[in-house]
């Protein structure tokens, strides 16, 4: 499975019903997650939730850097 598909699968499983966009260049990724789950959370808390889905990929070296945009639907 390629890195983009792996990231998409992990985020889809972690954020059911969310709008997810993933771009990958080498071992760097840019992700956008729009989810009601973020409602009431500070930006750093939103990023932690996204990182929690990707930690294994970061630990094993598959993913080196991630740029995260995490928002609730009404905040777009």
PDB file of N, CA and C in Angstrom:
ATOM      1  N   UNK A   1       0.853  -1.169   0.000  1.00  0.00           N
ATOM      2  CA  UNK A   1       0.000   0.000   0.000  1.00  0.00           C
ATOM      3  C   UNK A   1       0.904   1.240   0.000  1.00  0.00           C
ATOM      4  N   UNK A   2       0.580   2.225  -0.837  1.00  0.00           N
ATOM      5  CA  UNK A   2       1.404   3.429  -0.865  1.00  0.00           C
ATOM      6  C   UNK A   2       1.099   4.324   0.333  1.00  0.00           C
ATOM      7  N   UNK A   3       1.994   5.269   0.600  1.00  0.00           N
ATOM      8  CA  UNK A   3       1.898   6.103   1.796  1.00  0.00           C
ATOM      9  C   UNK A   3       0.617   6.932   1.812  1.00  0.00           C
ATOM     10  N   UNK A   4       0.238   7.491   0.685  1.00  0.00           N
ATOM     11  CA  UNK A   4      -0.974   8.313   0.645  1.00  0.00           C
ATOM     12  C   UNK A   4      -2.206   7.497   1.026  1.00  0.00           C
ATOM     13  N   UNK A   5      -2.325   6.311   0.476  1.00  0.00           N
ATOM     14  CA  UNK A   5      -3.458   5.441   0.788  1.00  0.00           C
ATOM     15  C   UNK A   5      -3.447   5.039   2.256  1.00  0.00           C
ATOM     16  N   UNK A   6      -2.272   4.740   2.783  1.00  0.00           N
ATOM     17  CA  UNK A   6      -2.147   4.362   4.196  1.00  0.00           C
ATOM     18  C   UNK A   6      -2.599   5.506   5.104  1.00  0.00           C
ATOM     19  N   UNK A   7      -2.176   6.718   4.798  1.00  0.00           N
ATOM     20  CA  UNK A   7      -2.583   7.884   5.596  1.00  0.00           C
ATOM     21  C   UNK A   7      -4.090   8.097   5.490  1.00  0.00           C
ATOM     22  N   UNK A   8      -4.621   8.046   4.276  1.00  0.00           N
ATOM     23  CA  UNK A   8      -6.066   8.218   4.080  1.00  0.00           C
ATOM     24  C   UNK A   8      -6.854   7.185   4.876  1.00  0.00           C
ATOM     25  N   UNK A   9      -6.424   5.934   4.838  1.00  0.00           N
ATOM     26  CA  UNK A   9      -7.118   4.873   5.576  1.00  0.00           C
ATOM     27  C   UNK A   9      -7.087   5.121   7.078  1.00  0.00           C
ATOM     28  N   UNK A  10      -5.931   5.494   7.596  1.00  0.00           N
ATOM     29  CA  UNK A  10      -5.812   5.739   9.036  1.00  0.00           C
ATOM     30  C   UNK A  10      -6.682   6.914   9.476  1.00  0.00           C
ATOM     31  N   UNK A  11      -6.696   7.983   8.688  1.00  0.00           N
ATOM     32  CA  UNK A  11      -7.509   9.146   9.047  1.00  0.00           C
ATOM     33  C   UNK A  11      -8.999   8.856   8.894  1.00  0.00           C
ATOM     34  N   UNK A  12      -9.365   8.114   7.869  1.00  0.00           N
ATOM     35  CA  UNK A  12     -10.773   7.747   7.681  1.00  0.00           C
ATOM     36  C   UNK A  12     -11.261   6.892   8.842  1.00  0.00           C
ATOM     37  N   UNK A  13     -10.428   5.968   9.305  1.00  0.00           N
ATOM     38  CA  UNK A  13     -10.793   5.141  10.459  1.00  0.00           C
ATOM     39  C   UNK A  13     -10.850   5.956  11.745  1.00  0.00           C
ATOM     40  N   UNK A  14      -9.975   6.934  11.879  1.00  0.00           N
ATOM     41  CA  UNK A  14      -9.916   7.735  13.093  1.00  0.00           C
ATOM     42  C   UNK A  14     -10.954   8.844  13.169  1.00  0.00           C
ATOM     43  N   UNK A  15     -11.432   9.286  12.004  1.00  0.00           N
ATOM     44  CA  UNK A  15     -12.377  10.403  11.946  1.00  0.00           C
ATOM     45  C   UNK A  15     -13.547  10.037  11.033  1.00  0.00           C
ATOM     46  N   UNK A  16     -14.393   9.166  11.532  1.00  0.00           N
ATOM     47  CA  UNK A  16     -15.539   8.687  10.761  1.00  0.00           C
ATOM     48  C   UNK A  16     -16.418   9.860  10.323  1.00  0.00           C
ATOM     49  N   UNK A  17     -16.757   9.892   9.043  1.00  0.00           N
ATOM     50  CA  UNK A  17     -17.633  10.924   8.509  1.00  0.00           C
ATOM     51  C   UNK A  17     -16.949  12.244   8.209  1.00  0.00           C
ATOM     52  N   UNK A  18     -15.637  12.312   8.385  1.00  0.00           N
ATOM     53  CA  UNK A  18     -14.901  13.559   8.167  1.00  0.00           C
ATOM     54  C   UNK A  18     -14.557  13.739   6.694  1.00  0.00           C
ATOM     55  N   UNK A  19     -14.346  14.993   6.326  1.00  0.00           N
ATOM     56  CA  UNK A  19     -13.796  15.315   5.010  1.00  0.00           C
ATOM     57  C   UNK A  19     -12.279  15.243   5.151  1.00  0.00           C
ATOM     58  N   UNK A  20     -11.644  14.433   4.328  1.00  0.00           N
ATOM     59  CA  UNK A  20     -10.199  14.212   4.448  1.00  0.00           C
ATOM     60  C   UNK A  20      -9.540  14.405   3.092  1.00  0.00           C
ATOM     61  N   UNK A  21      -8.470  15.190   3.087  1.00  0.00           N
ATOM     62  CA  UNK A  21      -7.652  15.374   1.891  1.00  0.00           C
ATOM     63  C   UNK A  21      -6.202  15.124   2.282  1.00  0.00           C
ATOM     64  N   UNK A  22      -5.498  14.378   1.445  1.00  0.00           N
ATOM     65  CA  UNK A  22      -4.103  14.041   1.732  1.00  0.00           C
ATOM     66  C   UNK A  22      -3.268  14.269   0.480  1.00  0.00           C
ATOM     67  N   UNK A  23      -2.159  14.944   0.665  1.00  0.00           N
ATOM     68  CA  UNK A  23      -1.173  15.095  -0.398  1.00  0.00           C
ATOM     69  C   UNK A  23       0.158  14.586   0.123  1.00  0.00           C
ATOM     70  N   UNK A  24       0.874  13.848  -0.709  1.00  0.00           N
ATOM     71  CA  UNK A  24       2.152  13.274  -0.281  1.00  0.00           C
ATOM     72  C   UNK A  24       3.213  13.582  -1.325  1.00  0.00           C
ATOM     73  N   UNK A  25       4.369  14.007  -0.831  1.00  0.00           N
ATOM     74  CA  UNK A  25       5.534  14.188  -1.685  1.00  0.00           C
ATOM     75  C   UNK A  25       6.712  13.557  -0.961  1.00  0.00           C
ATOM     76  N   UNK A  26       7.175  12.438  -1.471  1.00  0.00           N
ATOM     77  CA  UNK A  26       8.231  11.695  -0.785  1.00  0.00           C
ATOM     78  C   UNK A  26       7.702  11.159   0.534  1.00  0.00           C
ATOM     79  N   UNK A  27       8.376  11.508   1.631  1.00  0.00           N
ATOM     80  CA  UNK A  27       7.909  11.065   2.948  1.00  0.00           C
ATOM     81  C   UNK A  27       7.346  12.235   3.764  1.00  0.00           C
ATOM     82  N   UNK A  28       6.892  13.277   3.055  1.00  0.00           N
ATOM     83  CA  UNK A  28       6.232  14.432   3.667  1.00  0.00           C
ATOM     84  C   UNK A  28       4.767  14.436   3.244  1.00  0.00           C
ATOM     85  N   UNK A  29       3.884  14.759   4.174  1.00  0.00           N
ATOM     86  CA  UNK A  29       2.455  14.762   3.866  1.00  0.00           C
ATOM     87  C   UNK A  29       1.817  16.076   4.303  1.00  0.00           C
ATOM     88  N   UNK A  30       0.778  16.431   3.583  1.00  0.00           N
ATOM     89  CA  UNK A  30      -0.075  17.556   3.943  1.00  0.00           C
ATOM     90  C   UNK A  30      -1.477  16.982   4.079  1.00  0.00           C
ATOM     91  N   UNK A  31      -2.092  17.164   5.245  1.00  0.00           N
ATOM     92  CA  UNK A  31      -3.420  16.598   5.459  1.00  0.00           C
ATOM     93  C   UNK A  31      -4.401  17.686   5.890  1.00  0.00           C
ATOM     94  N   UNK A  32      -5.616  17.528   5.419  1.00  0.00           N
ATOM     95  CA  UNK A  32      -6.719  18.400   5.823  1.00  0.00           C
ATOM     96  C   UNK A  32      -7.817  17.492   6.348  1.00  0.00           C
ATOM     97  N   UNK A  33      -8.246  17.756   7.573  1.00  0.00           N
ATOM     98  CA  UNK A  33      -9.315  16.975   8.182  1.00  0.00           C
ATOM     99  C   UNK A  33     -10.372  17.953   8.684  1.00  0.00           C
ATOM    100  N   UNK A  34     -11.589  17.793   8.193  1.00  0.00           N
ATOM    101  CA  UNK A  34     -12.718  18.613   8.634  1.00  0.00           C
ATOM    102  C   UNK A  34     -13.683  17.669   9.336  1.00  0.00           C
ATOM    103  N   UNK A  35     -13.832  17.868  10.656  1.00  0.00           N
ATOM    104  CA  UNK A  35     -14.608  16.924  11.453  1.00  0.00           C
ATOM    105  C   UNK A  35     -15.331  17.623  12.596  1.00  0.00           C
ATOM    106  N   UNK A  36     -16.541  17.185  12.866  1.00  0.00           N
ATOM    107  CA  UNK A  36     -17.293  17.668  14.030  1.00  0.00           C
ATOM    108  C   UNK A  36     -16.575  17.300  15.327  1.00  0.00           C
ATOM    109  N   UNK A  37     -15.758  16.270  15.274  1.00  0.00           N
ATOM    110  CA  UNK A  37     -15.020  15.811  16.459  1.00  0.00           C
ATOM    111  C   UNK A  37     -14.107  16.904  17.027  1.00  0.00           C
ATOM    112  N   UNK A  38     -13.722  17.872  16.203  1.00  0.00           N
ATOM    113  CA  UNK A  38     -12.839  18.948  16.637  1.00  0.00           C
ATOM    114  C   UNK A  38     -13.575  20.081  17.347  1.00  0.00           C
ATOM    115  N   UNK A  39     -14.893  20.045  17.334  1.00  0.00           N
ATOM    116  CA  UNK A  39     -15.668  21.138  17.919  1.00  0.00           C
ATOM    117  C   UNK A  39     -15.295  21.343  19.388  1.00  0.00           C
ATOM    118  N   UNK A  40     -14.954  22.571  19.740  1.00  0.00           N
ATOM    119  CA  UNK A  40     -14.603  22.903  21.120  1.00  0.00           C
ATOM    120  C   UNK A  40     -13.153  22.652  21.490  1.00  0.00           C
ATOM    121  N   UNK A  41     -12.366  22.107  20.570  1.00  0.00           N
ATOM    122  CA  UNK A  41     -10.959  21.817  20.853  1.00  0.00           C
ATOM    123  C   UNK A  41     -10.053  22.940  20.352  1.00  0.00           C
ATOM    124  N   UNK A  42      -8.979  23.172  21.083  1.00  0.00           N
ATOM    125  CA  UNK A  42      -7.969  24.131  20.641  1.00  0.00           C
ATOM    126  C   UNK A  42      -7.188  23.522  19.476  1.00  0.00           C
ATOM    127  N   UNK A  43      -6.553  24.369  18.647  1.00  0.00           N
ATOM    128  CA  UNK A  43      -5.789  23.850  17.503  1.00  0.00           C
ATOM    129  C   UNK A  43      -4.770  22.774  17.869  1.00  0.00           C
ATOM    130  N   UNK A  44      -4.061  22.944  18.974  1.00  0.00           N
ATOM    131  CA  UNK A  44      -3.060  21.944  19.359  1.00  0.00           C
ATOM    132  C   UNK A  44      -3.721  20.609  19.705  1.00  0.00           C
ATOM    133  N   UNK A  45      -4.901  20.646  20.293  1.00  0.00           N
ATOM    134  CA  UNK A  45      -5.626  19.409  20.615  1.00  0.00           C
ATOM    135  C   UNK A  45      -6.100  18.719  19.337  1.00  0.00           C
ATOM    136  N   UNK A  46      -6.506  19.498  18.358  1.00  0.00           N
ATOM    137  CA  UNK A  46      -6.913  18.926  17.063  1.00  0.00           C
ATOM    138  C   UNK A  46      -5.734  18.230  16.401  1.00  0.00           C
ATOM    139  N   UNK A  47      -4.574  18.896  16.422  1.00  0.00           N
ATOM    140  CA  UNK A  47      -3.382  18.306  15.816  1.00  0.00           C
ATOM    141  C   UNK A  47      -2.970  17.017  16.521  1.00  0.00           C
ATOM    142  N   UNK A  48      -3.090  16.987  17.829  1.00  0.00           N
ATOM    143  CA  UNK A  48      -2.749  15.761  18.576  1.00  0.00           C
ATOM    144  C   UNK A  48      -3.623  14.592  18.142  1.00  0.00           C
ATOM    145  N   UNK A  49      -4.903  14.855  17.924  1.00  0.00           N
ATOM    146  CA  UNK A  49      -5.797  13.787  17.472  1.00  0.00           C
ATOM    147  C   UNK A  49      -5.370  13.259  16.103  1.00  0.00           C
ATOM    148  N   UNK A  50      -5.001  14.162  15.207  1.00  0.00           N
ATOM    149  CA  UNK A  50      -4.551  13.738  13.878  1.00  0.00           C
ATOM    150  C   UNK A  50      -3.244  12.951  14.004  1.00  0.00           C
ATOM    151  N   UNK A  51      -2.291  13.477  14.767  1.00  0.00           N
ATOM    152  CA  UNK A  51      -1.024  12.768  14.967  1.00  0.00           C
ATOM    153  C   UNK A  51      -1.238  11.381  15.559  1.00  0.00           C
ATOM    154  N   UNK A  52      -2.224  11.231  16.428  1.00  0.00           N
ATOM    155  CA  UNK A  52      -2.458   9.921  17.048  1.00  0.00           C
ATOM    156  C   UNK A  52      -2.787   8.857  16.004  1.00  0.00           C
ATOM    157  N   UNK A  53      -3.369   9.260  14.891  1.00  0.00           N
ATOM    158  CA  UNK A  53      -3.662   8.310  13.811  1.00  0.00           C
ATOM    159  C   UNK A  53      -2.414   7.971  12.995  1.00  0.00           C
ATOM    160  N   UNK A  54      -1.416   8.852  13.042  1.00  0.00           N
ATOM    161  CA  UNK A  54      -0.248   8.714  12.169  1.00  0.00           C
ATOM    162  C   UNK A  54       1.036   8.338  12.904  1.00  0.00           C
ATOM    163  N   UNK A  55       0.985   8.224  14.222  1.00  0.00           N
ATOM    164  CA  UNK A  55       2.191   7.987  15.024  1.00  0.00           C
ATOM    165  C   UNK A  55       3.003   6.781  14.572  1.00  0.00           C
ATOM    166  N   UNK A  56       2.352   5.694  14.239  1.00  0.00           N
ATOM    167  CA  UNK A  56       3.088   4.493  13.833  1.00  0.00           C
ATOM    168  C   UNK A  56       3.902   4.755  12.565  1.00  0.00           C
ATOM    169  N   UNK A  57       3.323   5.485  11.620  1.00  0.00           N
ATOM    170  CA  UNK A  57       4.036   5.799  10.377  1.00  0.00           C
ATOM    171  C   UNK A  57       5.233   6.713  10.637  1.00  0.00           C
ATOM    172  N   UNK A  58       5.086   7.608  11.600  1.00  0.00           N
ATOM    173  CA  UNK A  58       6.189   8.501  11.962  1.00  0.00           C
ATOM    174  C   UNK A  58       7.289   7.704  12.667  1.00  0.00           C
ATOM    175  N   UNK A  59       6.898   6.848  13.603  1.00  0.00           N
ATOM    176  CA  UNK A  59       7.878   6.043  14.351  1.00  0.00           C
ATOM    177  C   UNK A  59       8.681   5.108  13.456  1.00  0.00           C
ATOM    178  N   UNK A  60       8.017   4.507  12.464  1.00  0.00           N
ATOM    179  CA  UNK A  60       8.748   3.551  11.629  1.00  0.00           C
ATOM    180  C   UNK A  60       9.494   4.215  10.471  1.00  0.00           C
ATOM    181  N   UNK A  61       9.407   5.554  10.382  1.00  0.00           N
ATOM    182  CA  UNK A  61      10.175   6.283   9.377  1.00  0.00           C
ATOM    183  C   UNK A  61       9.496   6.432   8.031  1.00  0.00           C
ATOM    184  N   UNK A  62       8.323   5.853   7.858  1.00  0.00           N
ATOM    185  CA  UNK A  62       7.604   5.987   6.589  1.00  0.00           C
ATOM    186  C   UNK A  62       7.192   7.430   6.328  1.00  0.00           C
ATOM    187  N   UNK A  63       6.876   8.136   7.409  1.00  0.00           N
ATOM    188  CA  UNK A  63       6.410   9.516   7.327  1.00  0.00           C
ATOM    189  C   UNK A  63       7.355  10.383   8.144  1.00  0.00           C
ATOM    190  N   UNK A  64       7.941  11.373   7.490  1.00  0.00           N
ATOM    191  CA  UNK A  64       8.933  12.219   8.158  1.00  0.00           C
ATOM    192  C   UNK A  64       8.341  13.528   8.678  1.00  0.00           C
ATOM    193  N   UNK A  65       7.459  14.147   7.900  1.00  0.00           N
ATOM    194  CA  UNK A  65       6.885  15.437   8.294  1.00  0.00           C
ATOM    195  C   UNK A  65       5.428  15.511   7.852  1.00  0.00           C
ATOM    196  N   UNK A  66       4.622  16.210   8.664  1.00  0.00           N
ATOM    197  CA  UNK A  66       3.196  16.350   8.368  1.00  0.00           C
ATOM    198  C   UNK A  66       2.782  17.804   8.582  1.00  0.00           C
ATOM    199  N   UNK A  67       2.094  18.353   7.607  1.00  0.00           N
ATOM    200  CA  UNK A  67       1.448  19.651   7.756  1.00  0.00           C
ATOM    201  C   UNK A  67      -0.031  19.365   7.941  1.00  0.00           C
ATOM    202  N   UNK A  68      -0.616  19.908   9.009  1.00  0.00           N
ATOM    203  CA  UNK A  68      -1.993  19.575   9.365  1.00  0.00           C
ATOM    204  C   UNK A  68      -2.880  20.808   9.336  1.00  0.00           C
ATOM    205  N   UNK A  69      -4.012  20.673   8.659  1.00  0.00           N
ATOM    206  CA  UNK A  69      -5.099  21.652   8.740  1.00  0.00           C
ATOM    207  C   UNK A  69      -6.288  20.889   9.306  1.00  0.00           C
ATOM    208  N   UNK A  70      -6.700  21.237  10.512  1.00  0.00           N
ATOM    209  CA  UNK A  70      -7.789  20.522  11.187  1.00  0.00           C
ATOM    210  C   UNK A  70      -8.846  21.534  11.604  1.00  0.00           C
ATOM    211  N   UNK A  71     -10.074  21.334  11.133  1.00  0.00           N
ATOM    212  CA  UNK A  71     -11.133  22.299  11.430  1.00  0.00           C
ATOM    213  C   UNK A  71     -12.476  21.603  11.568  1.00  0.00           C
ATOM    214  N   UNK A  72     -13.442  22.362  12.080  1.00  0.00           N
ATOM    215  CA  UNK A  72     -14.822  21.887  12.130  1.00  0.00           C
ATOM    216  C   UNK A  72     -15.526  22.403  10.884  1.00  0.00           C
ATOM    217  N   UNK A  73     -16.586  21.738  10.422  1.00  0.00           N
ATOM    218  CA  UNK A  73     -17.248  22.149   9.183  1.00  0.00           C
ATOM    219  C   UNK A  73     -17.667  23.614   9.142  1.00  0.00           C
ATOM    220  N   UNK A  74     -18.188  24.163  10.217  1.00  0.00           N
ATOM    221  CA  UNK A  74     -18.665  25.545  10.182  1.00  0.00           C
ATOM    222  C   UNK A  74     -17.537  26.569  10.173  1.00  0.00           C
ATOM    223  N   UNK A  75     -16.316  26.146  10.472  1.00  0.00           N
ATOM    224  CA  UNK A  75     -15.186  27.070  10.545  1.00  0.00           C
ATOM    225  C   UNK A  75     -14.458  27.228   9.212  1.00  0.00           C
ATOM    226  N   UNK A  76     -14.918  26.601   8.174  1.00  0.00           N
ATOM    227  CA  UNK A  76     -14.228  26.661   6.887  1.00  0.00           C
ATOM    228  C   UNK A  76     -14.399  28.002   6.237  1.00  0.00           C
TER     229      UNK A  76
END
